[in-house]
Amino acid sequence: MIEILGITDRGNEWNLKTKEYTIKDTPKYADLNRRGAIILDGELYSTYARLLIKRIS
């Protein structure tokens, strides 16, 4: 069984976003604020919307 925790989304309706990016972080800060963001090889990248799930059994 799984539990759906939320979704990474532009509106952050699930209150899962932990950081608001600014121009100081990267020139593409608006893209990073629309979806989830990851750091890969020291660079910030925007990801596609993802369901966040947790296995409960």
PDB file of N, CA and C in Angstrom:
ATOM      1  N   MET A   1       0.832  -1.169   0.000  1.00  0.00           N
ATOM      2  CA  MET A   1       0.000   0.000   0.000  1.00  0.00           C
ATOM      3  C   MET A   1       0.886   1.245   0.000  1.00  0.00           C
ATOM      4  N   ILE A   2       0.345   2.318  -0.564  1.00  0.00           N
ATOM      5  CA  ILE A   2       1.074   3.584  -0.595  1.00  0.00           C
ATOM      6  C   ILE A   2       0.182   4.714  -0.089  1.00  0.00           C
ATOM      7  N   GLU A   3       0.828   5.758   0.347  1.00  0.00           N
ATOM      8  CA  GLU A   3       0.133   6.982   0.737  1.00  0.00           C
ATOM      9  C   GLU A   3       0.608   8.091  -0.189  1.00  0.00           C
ATOM     10  N   ILE A   4      -0.298   8.845  -0.786  1.00  0.00           N
ATOM     11  CA  ILE A   4       0.085   9.977  -1.614  1.00  0.00           C
ATOM     12  C   ILE A   4       0.289  11.168  -0.699  1.00  0.00           C
ATOM     13  N   LEU A   5       1.509  11.698  -0.684  1.00  0.00           N
ATOM     14  CA  LEU A   5       1.846  12.812   0.189  1.00  0.00           C
ATOM     15  C   LEU A   5       1.533  14.150  -0.456  1.00  0.00           C
ATOM     16  N   GLY A   6       1.612  14.213  -1.787  1.00  0.00           N
ATOM     17  CA  GLY A   6       1.348  15.464  -2.484  1.00  0.00           C
ATOM     18  C   GLY A   6       1.939  15.433  -3.878  1.00  0.00           C
ATOM     19  N   ILE A   7       2.077  16.603  -4.460  1.00  0.00           N
ATOM     20  CA  ILE A   7       2.634  16.739  -5.794  1.00  0.00           C
ATOM     21  C   ILE A   7       3.459  18.014  -5.830  1.00  0.00           C
ATOM     22  N   THR A   8       4.560  17.967  -6.545  1.00  0.00           N
ATOM     23  CA  THR A   8       5.331  19.191  -6.739  1.00  0.00           C
ATOM     24  C   THR A   8       4.624  19.970  -7.824  1.00  0.00           C
ATOM     25  N   ASP A   9       4.220  21.184  -7.515  1.00  0.00           N
ATOM     26  CA  ASP A   9       3.407  21.946  -8.452  1.00  0.00           C
ATOM     27  C   ASP A   9       3.706  23.434  -8.350  1.00  0.00           C
ATOM     28  N   ARG A  10       3.265  24.159  -9.347  1.00  0.00           N
ATOM     29  CA  ARG A  10       3.508  25.595  -9.433  1.00  0.00           C
ATOM     30  C   ARG A  10       2.885  26.351  -8.260  1.00  0.00           C
ATOM     31  N   GLY A  11       1.674  26.015  -7.897  1.00  0.00           N
ATOM     32  CA  GLY A  11       0.980  26.743  -6.846  1.00  0.00           C
ATOM     33  C   GLY A  11       1.369  26.337  -5.437  1.00  0.00           C
ATOM     34  N   ASN A  12       2.100  25.249  -5.295  1.00  0.00           N
ATOM     35  CA  ASN A  12       2.506  24.728  -3.990  1.00  0.00           C
ATOM     36  C   ASN A  12       1.297  24.525  -3.073  1.00  0.00           C
ATOM     37  N   GLU A  13       0.214  23.997  -3.635  1.00  0.00           N
ATOM     38  CA  GLU A  13      -1.002  23.770  -2.854  1.00  0.00           C
ATOM     39  C   GLU A  13      -0.800  22.811  -1.690  1.00  0.00           C
ATOM     40  N   TRP A  14       0.212  21.979  -1.792  1.00  0.00           N
ATOM     41  CA  TRP A  14       0.463  20.981  -0.745  1.00  0.00           C
ATOM     42  C   TRP A  14       1.459  21.487   0.287  1.00  0.00           C
ATOM     43  N   ASN A  15       1.942  22.721   0.119  1.00  0.00           N
ATOM     44  CA  ASN A  15       2.912  23.327   1.044  1.00  0.00           C
ATOM     45  C   ASN A  15       4.176  22.492   1.200  1.00  0.00           C
ATOM     46  N   LEU A  16       4.667  21.944   0.080  1.00  0.00           N
ATOM     47  CA  LEU A  16       5.867  21.118   0.127  1.00  0.00           C
ATOM     48  C   LEU A  16       7.133  21.882  -0.251  1.00  0.00           C
ATOM     49  N   LYS A  17       6.980  23.059  -0.793  1.00  0.00           N
ATOM     50  CA  LYS A  17       8.150  23.833  -1.205  1.00  0.00           C
ATOM     51  C   LYS A  17       8.876  24.345   0.033  1.00  0.00           C
ATOM     52  N   THR A  18      10.178  24.225   0.035  1.00  0.00           N
ATOM     53  CA  THR A  18      10.957  24.672   1.188  1.00  0.00           C
ATOM     54  C   THR A  18      11.811  25.897   0.880  1.00  0.00           C
ATOM     55  N   LYS A  19      11.899  26.285  -0.398  1.00  0.00           N
ATOM     56  CA  LYS A  19      12.721  27.434  -0.769  1.00  0.00           C
ATOM     57  C   LYS A  19      12.116  28.151  -1.963  1.00  0.00           C
ATOM     58  N   GLU A  20      12.117  29.480  -1.923  1.00  0.00           N
ATOM     59  CA  GLU A  20      11.769  30.313  -3.060  1.00  0.00           C
ATOM     60  C   GLU A  20      13.075  30.799  -3.667  1.00  0.00           C
ATOM     61  N   TYR A  21      13.327  30.460  -4.935  1.00  0.00           N
ATOM     62  CA  TYR A  21      14.560  30.867  -5.596  1.00  0.00           C
ATOM     63  C   TYR A  21      14.463  32.299  -6.093  1.00  0.00           C
ATOM     64  N   THR A  22      15.595  32.997  -6.132  1.00  0.00           N
ATOM     65  CA  THR A  22      15.657  34.383  -6.598  1.00  0.00           C
ATOM     66  C   THR A  22      16.721  34.493  -7.674  1.00  0.00           C
ATOM     67  N   ILE A  23      16.835  35.664  -8.256  1.00  0.00           N
ATOM     68  CA  ILE A  23      17.852  35.928  -9.282  1.00  0.00           C
ATOM     69  C   ILE A  23      19.262  35.710  -8.733  1.00  0.00           C
ATOM     70  N   LYS A  24      19.429  35.828  -7.428  1.00  0.00           N
ATOM     71  CA  LYS A  24      20.742  35.591  -6.809  1.00  0.00           C
ATOM     72  C   LYS A  24      21.140  34.117  -6.904  1.00  0.00           C
ATOM     73  N   ASP A  25      20.143  33.224  -6.943  1.00  0.00           N
ATOM     74  CA  ASP A  25      20.419  31.789  -7.027  1.00  0.00           C
ATOM     75  C   ASP A  25      20.771  31.361  -8.444  1.00  0.00           C
ATOM     76  N   THR A  26      20.010  31.851  -9.426  1.00  0.00           N
ATOM     77  CA  THR A  26      20.195  31.466 -10.819  1.00  0.00           C
ATOM     78  C   THR A  26      19.365  32.381 -11.712  1.00  0.00           C
ATOM     79  N   PRO A  27      19.812  32.618 -12.948  1.00  0.00           N
ATOM     80  CA  PRO A  27      19.007  33.434 -13.867  1.00  0.00           C
ATOM     81  C   PRO A  27      17.649  32.797 -14.199  1.00  0.00           C
ATOM     82  N   LYS A  28      17.527  31.487 -14.042  1.00  0.00           N
ATOM     83  CA  LYS A  28      16.280  30.779 -14.359  1.00  0.00           C
ATOM     84  C   LYS A  28      15.455  30.514 -13.094  1.00  0.00           C
ATOM     85  N   TYR A  29      15.471  31.455 -12.175  1.00  0.00           N
ATOM     86  CA  TYR A  29      14.811  31.232 -10.890  1.00  0.00           C
ATOM     87  C   TYR A  29      13.301  31.014 -11.018  1.00  0.00           C
ATOM     88  N   ALA A  30      12.643  31.668 -11.986  1.00  0.00           N
ATOM     89  CA  ALA A  30      11.193  31.502 -12.151  1.00  0.00           C
ATOM     90  C   ALA A  30      10.853  30.059 -12.505  1.00  0.00           C
ATOM     91  N   ASP A  31      11.665  29.417 -13.353  1.00  0.00           N
ATOM     92  CA  ASP A  31      11.437  28.009 -13.701  1.00  0.00           C
ATOM     93  C   ASP A  31      11.555  27.115 -12.472  1.00  0.00           C
ATOM     94  N   LEU A  32      12.507  27.416 -11.609  1.00  0.00           N
ATOM     95  CA  LEU A  32      12.709  26.588 -10.418  1.00  0.00           C
ATOM     96  C   LEU A  32      11.558  26.738  -9.431  1.00  0.00           C
ATOM     97  N   ASN A  33      10.903  27.885  -9.420  1.00  0.00           N
ATOM     98  CA  ASN A  33       9.788  28.094  -8.503  1.00  0.00           C
ATOM     99  C   ASN A  33       8.491  27.465  -8.992  1.00  0.00           C
ATOM    100  N   ARG A  34       8.443  27.017 -10.238  1.00  0.00           N
ATOM    101  CA  ARG A  34       7.228  26.394 -10.781  1.00  0.00           C
ATOM    102  C   ARG A  34       7.088  24.938 -10.387  1.00  0.00           C
ATOM    103  N   ARG A  35       8.190  24.268 -10.191  1.00  0.00           N
ATOM    104  CA  ARG A  35       8.197  22.821  -9.947  1.00  0.00           C
ATOM    105  C   ARG A  35       9.245  22.481  -8.897  1.00  0.00           C
ATOM    106  N   GLY A  36       9.453  21.202  -8.704  1.00  0.00           N
ATOM    107  CA  GLY A  36      10.534  20.774  -7.843  1.00  0.00           C
ATOM    108  C   GLY A  36      11.864  21.116  -8.490  1.00  0.00           C
ATOM    109  N   ALA A  37      12.889  21.284  -7.692  1.00  0.00           N
ATOM    110  CA  ALA A  37      14.225  21.602  -8.199  1.00  0.00           C
ATOM    111  C   ALA A  37      15.234  20.660  -7.573  1.00  0.00           C
ATOM    112  N   ILE A  38      16.254  20.317  -8.357  1.00  0.00           N
ATOM    113  CA  ILE A  38      17.334  19.469  -7.860  1.00  0.00           C
ATOM    114  C   ILE A  38      18.666  20.123  -8.191  1.00  0.00           C
ATOM    115  N   ILE A  39      19.700  19.728  -7.457  1.00  0.00           N
ATOM    116  CA  ILE A  39      21.062  20.156  -7.758  1.00  0.00           C
ATOM    117  C   ILE A  39      21.776  18.955  -8.363  1.00  0.00           C
ATOM    118  N   LEU A  40      22.326  19.138  -9.545  1.00  0.00           N
ATOM    119  CA  LEU A  40      23.042  18.081 -10.240  1.00  0.00           C
ATOM    120  C   LEU A  40      24.356  18.661 -10.732  1.00  0.00           C
ATOM    121  N   ASP A  41      25.452  18.104 -10.270  1.00  0.00           N
ATOM    122  CA  ASP A  41      26.786  18.600 -10.613  1.00  0.00           C
ATOM    123  C   ASP A  41      26.933  20.089 -10.320  1.00  0.00           C
ATOM    124  N   GLY A  42      26.355  20.529  -9.194  1.00  0.00           N
ATOM    125  CA  GLY A  42      26.482  21.912  -8.769  1.00  0.00           C
ATOM    126  C   GLY A  42      25.558  22.896  -9.462  1.00  0.00           C
ATOM    127  N   GLU A  43      24.704  22.425 -10.385  1.00  0.00           N
ATOM    128  CA  GLU A  43      23.769  23.282 -11.115  1.00  0.00           C
ATOM    129  C   GLU A  43      22.342  22.983 -10.659  1.00  0.00           C
ATOM    130  N   LEU A  44      21.513  24.011 -10.586  1.00  0.00           N
ATOM    131  CA  LEU A  44      20.102  23.846 -10.249  1.00  0.00           C
ATOM    132  C   LEU A  44      19.295  23.548 -11.504  1.00  0.00           C
ATOM    133  N   TYR A  45      18.404  22.555 -11.420  1.00  0.00           N
ATOM    134  CA  TYR A  45      17.549  22.179 -12.536  1.00  0.00           C
ATOM    135  C   TYR A  45      16.114  22.050 -12.060  1.00  0.00           C
ATOM    136  N   SER A  46      15.178  22.471 -12.900  1.00  0.00           N
ATOM    137  CA  SER A  46      13.756  22.282 -12.642  1.00  0.00           C
ATOM    138  C   SER A  46      13.371  20.880 -13.110  1.00  0.00           C
ATOM    139  N   THR A  47      12.489  20.222 -12.359  1.00  0.00           N
ATOM    140  CA  THR A  47      12.042  18.880 -12.730  1.00  0.00           C
ATOM    141  C   THR A  47      10.584  18.946 -13.190  1.00  0.00           C
ATOM    142  N   TYR A  48      10.107  17.871 -13.750  1.00  0.00           N
ATOM    143  CA  TYR A  48       8.692  17.759 -14.080  1.00  0.00           C
ATOM    144  C   TYR A  48       7.902  17.581 -12.792  1.00  0.00           C
ATOM    145  N   ALA A  49       6.617  17.868 -12.832  1.00  0.00           N
ATOM    146  CA  ALA A  49       5.768  17.642 -11.657  1.00  0.00           C
ATOM    147  C   ALA A  49       5.818  16.166 -11.288  1.00  0.00           C
ATOM    148  N   ARG A  50       5.886  15.898 -10.027  1.00  0.00           N
ATOM    149  CA  ARG A  50       5.981  14.518  -9.554  1.00  0.00           C
ATOM    150  C   ARG A  50       5.009  14.283  -8.414  1.00  0.00           C
ATOM    151  N   LEU A  51       4.443  13.097  -8.388  1.00  0.00           N
ATOM    152  CA  LEU A  51       3.690  12.665  -7.215  1.00  0.00           C
ATOM    153  C   LEU A  51       4.692  12.231  -6.160  1.00  0.00           C
ATOM    154  N   LEU A  52       4.435  12.614  -4.939  1.00  0.00           N
ATOM    155  CA  LEU A  52       5.294  12.199  -3.825  1.00  0.00           C
ATOM    156  C   LEU A  52       4.536  11.129  -3.053  1.00  0.00           C
ATOM    157  N   ILE A  53       5.109   9.933  -3.000  1.00  0.00           N
ATOM    158  CA  ILE A  53       4.422   8.809  -2.372  1.00  0.00           C
ATOM    159  C   ILE A  53       5.296   8.194  -1.283  1.00  0.00           C
ATOM    160  N   LYS A  54       4.652   7.463  -0.412  1.00  0.00           N
ATOM    161  CA  LYS A  54       5.347   6.781   0.680  1.00  0.00           C
ATOM    162  C   LYS A  54       4.739   5.397   0.831  1.00  0.00           C
ATOM    163  N   ARG A  55       5.583   4.392   0.890  1.00  0.00           N
ATOM    164  CA  ARG A  55       5.094   3.041   1.120  1.00  0.00           C
ATOM    165  C   ARG A  55       4.708   2.905   2.582  1.00  0.00           C
ATOM    166  N   ILE A  56       3.523   2.378   2.854  1.00  0.00           N
ATOM    167  CA  ILE A  56       3.063   2.245   4.233  1.00  0.00           C
ATOM    168  C   ILE A  56       2.893   0.791   4.678  1.00  0.00           C
ATOM    169  N   SER A  57       3.147  -0.141   3.778  1.00  0.00           N
ATOM    170  CA  SER A  57       3.114  -1.555   4.209  1.00  0.00           C
ATOM    171  C   SER A  57       4.020  -2.383   3.350  1.00  0.00           C
TER     172      SER A  57
END
